[in-house]
Every structure is written in structure tokens, then in C-alpha cells.
């Protein structure tokens, strides 16, 4: 049974949504790297604190982690995972989703992750720019990681559409005995 899932992809790809659905379906706790990274008031967690938070998660017997954080904890999560899932929607889709999410958060004034992280217009603009700017480079990096992960004999999934996601969830339901 595989119970250590690392879900990666661009901002707006649907990583957290998939993690939530997978968590409910498989009965495995789900964590977002963003939630472990940010403290209240958009203060970045100290590097050691962030590393420790991630270490506590990956030391558990089962987990679902979504996010990237390539420069900090990617390798730690990547090494501990038994299943790598890349949600790889086109750039136009993820940027649109980020814009819709940003507008929704600004209008509804929702907090992120139950923390005091009020959305800001400038933060939303920066996120859209970041997603647009890093999309190609991130995809090249993740394509290489998928190859390496497969080579090590662990399970990989590349999901490029809603139908891919549905097929993935259905396959897990059957193969993990949760039908």
C-alpha cells in the first residue's frame, strides 16, 4: 500500500484540491507546504522551523503533502514519498485559476489556512506574475523529477486534465482496496 503522496505542480493547478479529495478517499492526513511555510501576517517561517515542520510530517507513516518549495524542502519530501503526482495543467488554466482565487479571496476577505494572512491586491498580483514567470522552468524541473522517480521504482502520475484526475482517483480506489 502506498501512503506517502507528494503532489506537485504550478500554483493554481489544483494540488490542494486534489490532496483534500485524496485525503478523504484514502483516509490519509493531508498537509500543504504553504501552510507549513507561512506564519501569521505573511511572515515567513524561519528556515529551521519550516524544515522541522516538514520533517514532522514526513516522519509519519502516511501523509499527503502538496506544494513545491524546490529550493528548500523539495528533496526532503521527494525522498520520503512513495508516490509522486504532478498536476500539470496548461499555463492559461493555472493563471486563470490563480486570478479567480485571488479575486475570490479579496472579495470574501478569507484567511488562508486559518491563520491571520489577509489577502492583498499586491500579493495577488505578485502571485500571478510568479506563476506566469516560473511556469516553464518549473515544468522542466518537474518533468526531470518524474523521470528520476520512475527510475527508482516508485509510482508516478502526470495529470493533465480533469478526466486524468478522475481516472487517477478511481485507480487508487480500486488498487488500494477502497472501492
C-alpha atoms as a PDB file:
ATOM      1  CA  UNK A   1       0.000   0.000   0.000  1.00  0.00           C
ATOM      2  CA  UNK A   2       1.307   3.440  -0.925  1.00  0.00           C
ATOM      3  CA  UNK A   3       0.586   6.068   1.677  1.00  0.00           C
ATOM      4  CA  UNK A   4       3.140   8.849   1.202  1.00  0.00           C
ATOM      5  CA  UNK A   5       1.950  11.082  -1.623  1.00  0.00           C
ATOM      6  CA  UNK A   6       3.790  14.177  -2.867  1.00  0.00           C
ATOM      7  CA  UNK A   7       1.576  16.318  -5.110  1.00  0.00           C
ATOM      8  CA  UNK A   8       3.410  18.937  -7.163  1.00  0.00           C
ATOM      9  CA  UNK A   9       2.569  21.447  -9.883  1.00  0.00           C
ATOM     10  CA  UNK A  10       2.202  25.120 -10.605  1.00  0.00           C
ATOM     11  CA  UNK A  11       0.205  27.470  -8.419  1.00  0.00           C
ATOM     12  CA  UNK A  12      -3.437  27.177  -9.459  1.00  0.00           C
ATOM     13  CA  UNK A  13      -3.028  23.645 -10.826  1.00  0.00           C
ATOM     14  CA  UNK A  14      -5.318  22.142  -8.191  1.00  0.00           C
ATOM     15  CA  UNK A  15      -2.753  20.470  -5.924  1.00  0.00           C
ATOM     16  CA  UNK A  16      -4.514  21.299  -2.663  1.00  0.00           C
ATOM     17  CA  UNK A  17      -7.937  20.409  -4.029  1.00  0.00           C
ATOM     18  CA  UNK A  18      -6.649  17.033  -5.202  1.00  0.00           C
ATOM     19  CA  UNK A  19      -4.869  16.473  -1.875  1.00  0.00           C
ATOM     20  CA  UNK A  20      -8.096  17.160   0.011  1.00  0.00           C
ATOM     21  CA  UNK A  21     -10.103  14.732  -2.149  1.00  0.00           C
ATOM     22  CA  UNK A  22      -7.368  12.086  -1.936  1.00  0.00           C
ATOM     23  CA  UNK A  23      -7.145  12.521   1.830  1.00  0.00           C
ATOM     24  CA  UNK A  24     -10.857  11.941   2.242  1.00  0.00           C
ATOM     25  CA  UNK A  25     -10.871   8.983  -0.163  1.00  0.00           C
ATOM     26  CA  UNK A  26      -7.816   7.231   1.301  1.00  0.00           C
ATOM     27  CA  UNK A  27      -8.153   8.276   4.952  1.00  0.00           C
ATOM     28  CA  UNK A  28      -4.644   9.752   4.925  1.00  0.00           C
ATOM     29  CA  UNK A  29      -3.847  13.130   6.529  1.00  0.00           C
ATOM     30  CA  UNK A  30      -3.106  15.959   4.110  1.00  0.00           C
ATOM     31  CA  UNK A  31      -0.714  18.881   4.593  1.00  0.00           C
ATOM     32  CA  UNK A  32       0.100  21.911   2.443  1.00  0.00           C
ATOM     33  CA  UNK A  33       3.683  23.116   2.266  1.00  0.00           C
ATOM     34  CA  UNK A  34       2.319  26.684   2.114  1.00  0.00           C
ATOM     35  CA  UNK A  35       0.636  26.166   5.469  1.00  0.00           C
ATOM     36  CA  UNK A  36       3.899  24.935   6.984  1.00  0.00           C
ATOM     37  CA  UNK A  37       5.864  27.823   5.411  1.00  0.00           C
ATOM     38  CA  UNK A  38       3.796  30.838   6.476  1.00  0.00           C
ATOM     39  CA  UNK A  39       3.296  32.262   9.957  1.00  0.00           C
ATOM     40  CA  UNK A  40       0.647  34.885  10.743  1.00  0.00           C
ATOM     41  CA  UNK A  41       0.705  38.259   8.943  1.00  0.00           C
ATOM     42  CA  UNK A  42       2.584  36.819   5.938  1.00  0.00           C
ATOM     43  CA  UNK A  43       5.732  36.291   7.972  1.00  0.00           C
ATOM     44  CA  UNK A  44       7.878  33.536   6.507  1.00  0.00           C
ATOM     45  CA  UNK A  45       8.749  30.781   8.961  1.00  0.00           C
ATOM     46  CA  UNK A  46      12.388  30.619   9.977  1.00  0.00           C
ATOM     47  CA  UNK A  47      14.201  28.116   7.720  1.00  0.00           C
ATOM     48  CA  UNK A  48      14.847  25.725  10.618  1.00  0.00           C
ATOM     49  CA  UNK A  49      11.230  25.945  11.757  1.00  0.00           C
ATOM     50  CA  UNK A  50       9.995  25.198   8.232  1.00  0.00           C
ATOM     51  CA  UNK A  51      12.403  22.255   7.884  1.00  0.00           C
ATOM     52  CA  UNK A  52      11.270  20.892  11.261  1.00  0.00           C
ATOM     53  CA  UNK A  53       7.588  21.240  10.378  1.00  0.00           C
ATOM     54  CA  UNK A  54       8.161  19.303   7.155  1.00  0.00           C
ATOM     55  CA  UNK A  55      10.283  16.680   8.952  1.00  0.00           C
ATOM     56  CA  UNK A  56       7.466  16.069  11.431  1.00  0.00           C
ATOM     57  CA  UNK A  57       5.081  15.392   8.559  1.00  0.00           C
ATOM     58  CA  UNK A  58       7.337  13.108   6.501  1.00  0.00           C
ATOM     59  CA  UNK A  59       8.305  11.078   9.576  1.00  0.00           C
ATOM     60  CA  UNK A  60       4.700   9.909   9.863  1.00  0.00           C
ATOM     61  CA  UNK A  61       3.685   6.525   8.446  1.00  0.00           C
ATOM     62  CA  UNK A  62       1.270   8.085   5.975  1.00  0.00           C
ATOM     63  CA  UNK A  63       0.719  11.547   4.543  1.00  0.00           C
ATOM     64  CA  UNK A  64      -0.220  13.620   1.547  1.00  0.00           C
ATOM     65  CA  UNK A  65       1.878  16.749   1.018  1.00  0.00           C
ATOM     66  CA  UNK A  66       1.239  19.274  -1.710  1.00  0.00           C
ATOM     67  CA  UNK A  67       3.450  22.099  -2.862  1.00  0.00           C
ATOM     68  CA  UNK A  68       6.876  22.616  -4.375  1.00  0.00           C
ATOM     69  CA  UNK A  69       9.418  24.725  -2.467  1.00  0.00           C
ATOM     70  CA  UNK A  70      12.153  23.480  -4.764  1.00  0.00           C
ATOM     71  CA  UNK A  71      14.914  25.463  -3.105  1.00  0.00           C
ATOM     72  CA  UNK A  72      14.164  24.396   0.454  1.00  0.00           C
ATOM     73  CA  UNK A  73      12.317  21.172   1.267  1.00  0.00           C
ATOM     74  CA  UNK A  74      11.529  19.605  -2.126  1.00  0.00           C
ATOM     75  CA  UNK A  75      14.258  16.961  -1.845  1.00  0.00           C
ATOM     76  CA  UNK A  76      13.258  16.000   1.689  1.00  0.00           C
ATOM     77  CA  UNK A  77       9.649  15.346   0.677  1.00  0.00           C
ATOM     78  CA  UNK A  78      10.635  13.830  -2.690  1.00  0.00           C
ATOM     79  CA  UNK A  79      12.971  11.336  -0.991  1.00  0.00           C
ATOM     80  CA  UNK A  80      10.377  10.266   1.571  1.00  0.00           C
ATOM     81  CA  UNK A  81       7.428   9.887  -0.836  1.00  0.00           C
ATOM     82  CA  UNK A  82       6.378   6.596  -2.408  1.00  0.00           C
ATOM     83  CA  UNK A  83       4.039   8.253  -4.934  1.00  0.00           C
ATOM     84  CA  UNK A  84       4.693  11.433  -6.936  1.00  0.00           C
ATOM     85  CA  UNK A  85       1.704  13.158  -8.547  1.00  0.00           C
ATOM     86  CA  UNK A  86       2.252  16.045 -10.962  1.00  0.00           C
ATOM     87  CA  UNK A  87      -0.855  18.138 -11.639  1.00  0.00           C
ATOM     88  CA  UNK A  88       0.233  19.595 -14.964  1.00  0.00           C
ATOM     89  CA  UNK A  89      -2.486  21.798 -16.420  1.00  0.00           C
ATOM     90  CA  UNK A  90      -1.683  24.349 -19.165  1.00  0.00           C
ATOM     91  CA  UNK A  91      -0.353  27.781 -18.187  1.00  0.00           C
ATOM     92  CA  UNK A  92      -3.534  29.585 -19.295  1.00  0.00           C
ATOM     93  CA  UNK A  93      -5.603  27.347 -16.984  1.00  0.00           C
ATOM     94  CA  UNK A  94      -3.434  27.803 -13.891  1.00  0.00           C
ATOM     95  CA  UNK A  95      -3.102  31.571 -14.335  1.00  0.00           C
ATOM     96  CA  UNK A  96      -6.866  31.885 -14.783  1.00  0.00           C
ATOM     97  CA  UNK A  97      -7.461  29.781 -11.661  1.00  0.00           C
ATOM     98  CA  UNK A  98      -4.993  31.895  -9.672  1.00  0.00           C
ATOM     99  CA  UNK A  99      -6.755  35.070 -10.799  1.00  0.00           C
ATOM    100  CA  UNK A 100     -10.179  33.721  -9.850  1.00  0.00           C
ATOM    101  CA  UNK A 101      -8.888  32.505  -6.478  1.00  0.00           C
ATOM    102  CA  UNK A 102      -7.224  35.878  -5.805  1.00  0.00           C
ATOM    103  CA  UNK A 103     -10.398  37.803  -6.632  1.00  0.00           C
ATOM    104  CA  UNK A 104     -12.490  35.466  -4.501  1.00  0.00           C
ATOM    105  CA  UNK A 105     -10.115  35.852  -1.558  1.00  0.00           C
ATOM    106  CA  UNK A 106     -10.028  39.651  -1.913  1.00  0.00           C
ATOM    107  CA  UNK A 107     -13.811  39.972  -2.125  1.00  0.00           C
ATOM    108  CA  UNK A 108     -14.604  37.486   0.637  1.00  0.00           C
ATOM    109  CA  UNK A 109     -11.612  38.562   2.791  1.00  0.00           C
ATOM    110  CA  UNK A 110     -10.935  34.956   3.737  1.00  0.00           C
ATOM    111  CA  UNK A 111      -7.972  33.962   5.816  1.00  0.00           C
ATOM    112  CA  UNK A 112      -5.505  31.443   4.469  1.00  0.00           C
ATOM    113  CA  UNK A 113      -5.010  28.196   6.389  1.00  0.00           C
ATOM    114  CA  UNK A 114      -6.939  29.561   9.368  1.00  0.00           C
ATOM    115  CA  UNK A 115      -4.088  31.984  10.033  1.00  0.00           C
ATOM    116  CA  UNK A 116      -4.034  35.760  10.034  1.00  0.00           C
ATOM    117  CA  UNK A 117      -2.986  36.009   6.386  1.00  0.00           C
ATOM    118  CA  UNK A 118      -5.318  38.586   4.876  1.00  0.00           C
ATOM    119  CA  UNK A 119      -5.238  38.704   1.081  1.00  0.00           C
ATOM    120  CA  UNK A 120      -3.830  41.828  -0.542  1.00  0.00           C
ATOM    121  CA  UNK A 121      -4.085  43.178  -4.068  1.00  0.00           C
ATOM    122  CA  UNK A 122      -0.299  43.452  -4.323  1.00  0.00           C
ATOM    123  CA  UNK A 123       0.134  39.874  -3.067  1.00  0.00           C
ATOM    124  CA  UNK A 124      -2.346  38.648  -5.669  1.00  0.00           C
ATOM    125  CA  UNK A 125      -0.538  40.477  -8.484  1.00  0.00           C
ATOM    126  CA  UNK A 126       2.800  39.084  -7.327  1.00  0.00           C
ATOM    127  CA  UNK A 127       1.371  35.539  -7.249  1.00  0.00           C
ATOM    128  CA  UNK A 128       0.027  35.834 -10.805  1.00  0.00           C
ATOM    129  CA  UNK A 129       3.385  37.143 -12.022  1.00  0.00           C
ATOM    130  CA  UNK A 130       5.237  34.380 -10.206  1.00  0.00           C
ATOM    131  CA  UNK A 131       3.033  31.633 -11.678  1.00  0.00           C
ATOM    132  CA  UNK A 132       3.384  33.064 -15.187  1.00  0.00           C
ATOM    133  CA  UNK A 133       7.140  33.626 -14.941  1.00  0.00           C
ATOM    134  CA  UNK A 134       8.104  30.288 -13.365  1.00  0.00           C
ATOM    135  CA  UNK A 135       5.697  28.011 -15.264  1.00  0.00           C
ATOM    136  CA  UNK A 136       8.073  26.785 -17.984  1.00  0.00           C
ATOM    137  CA  UNK A 137      11.107  26.372 -15.724  1.00  0.00           C
ATOM    138  CA  UNK A 138       9.036  24.553 -13.086  1.00  0.00           C
ATOM    139  CA  UNK A 139       7.650  22.172 -15.708  1.00  0.00           C
ATOM    140  CA  UNK A 140      11.137  21.336 -16.993  1.00  0.00           C
ATOM    141  CA  UNK A 141      12.269  20.637 -13.437  1.00  0.00           C
ATOM    142  CA  UNK A 142       9.211  18.504 -12.603  1.00  0.00           C
ATOM    143  CA  UNK A 143       9.499  16.506 -15.835  1.00  0.00           C
ATOM    144  CA  UNK A 144      13.043  15.559 -14.822  1.00  0.00           C
ATOM    145  CA  UNK A 145      11.925  14.668 -11.294  1.00  0.00           C
ATOM    146  CA  UNK A 146       9.173  12.414 -12.655  1.00  0.00           C
ATOM    147  CA  UNK A 147      11.742  10.516 -14.751  1.00  0.00           C
ATOM    148  CA  UNK A 148      14.069  10.078 -11.770  1.00  0.00           C
ATOM    149  CA  UNK A 149      11.210   8.995  -9.513  1.00  0.00           C
ATOM    150  CA  UNK A 150      10.041   6.387 -12.050  1.00  0.00           C
ATOM    151  CA  UNK A 151      13.609   5.140 -12.429  1.00  0.00           C
ATOM    152  CA  UNK A 152      13.735   4.497  -8.669  1.00  0.00           C
ATOM    153  CA  UNK A 153      10.713   2.197  -8.996  1.00  0.00           C
ATOM    154  CA  UNK A 154       8.206   4.427  -7.253  1.00  0.00           C
ATOM    155  CA  UNK A 155       4.776   5.314  -8.614  1.00  0.00           C
ATOM    156  CA  UNK A 156       4.288   8.449 -10.686  1.00  0.00           C
ATOM    157  CA  UNK A 157       1.229  10.084 -12.170  1.00  0.00           C
ATOM    158  CA  UNK A 158       1.056  13.051 -14.531  1.00  0.00           C
ATOM    159  CA  UNK A 159      -2.438  14.551 -14.564  1.00  0.00           C
ATOM    160  CA  UNK A 160      -3.157  16.979 -17.408  1.00  0.00           C
ATOM    161  CA  UNK A 161      -6.950  17.193 -17.278  1.00  0.00           C
ATOM    162  CA  UNK A 162      -9.975  16.700 -15.059  1.00  0.00           C
ATOM    163  CA  UNK A 163     -10.520  13.310 -16.683  1.00  0.00           C
ATOM    164  CA  UNK A 164      -6.923  12.334 -15.760  1.00  0.00           C
ATOM    165  CA  UNK A 165      -7.640  13.315 -12.160  1.00  0.00           C
ATOM    166  CA  UNK A 166     -10.853  11.291 -12.093  1.00  0.00           C
ATOM    167  CA  UNK A 167      -9.093   8.255 -13.587  1.00  0.00           C
ATOM    168  CA  UNK A 168      -6.267   8.608 -11.028  1.00  0.00           C
ATOM    169  CA  UNK A 169      -8.699   8.721  -8.101  1.00  0.00           C
ATOM    170  CA  UNK A 170     -10.646   5.772  -9.494  1.00  0.00           C
ATOM    171  CA  UNK A 171      -7.463   3.735  -9.998  1.00  0.00           C
ATOM    172  CA  UNK A 172      -6.357   4.388  -6.431  1.00  0.00           C
ATOM    173  CA  UNK A 173      -9.771   3.453  -5.125  1.00  0.00           C
ATOM    174  CA  UNK A 174      -9.503   0.074  -6.867  1.00  0.00           C
ATOM    175  CA  UNK A 175      -5.795  -0.651  -6.291  1.00  0.00           C
ATOM    176  CA  UNK A 176      -5.800   0.446  -2.649  1.00  0.00           C
ATOM    177  CA  UNK A 177      -8.938  -1.557  -1.891  1.00  0.00           C
ATOM    178  CA  UNK A 178     -11.188   1.383  -1.108  1.00  0.00           C
ATOM    179  CA  UNK A 179     -13.858   0.610  -3.662  1.00  0.00           C
END
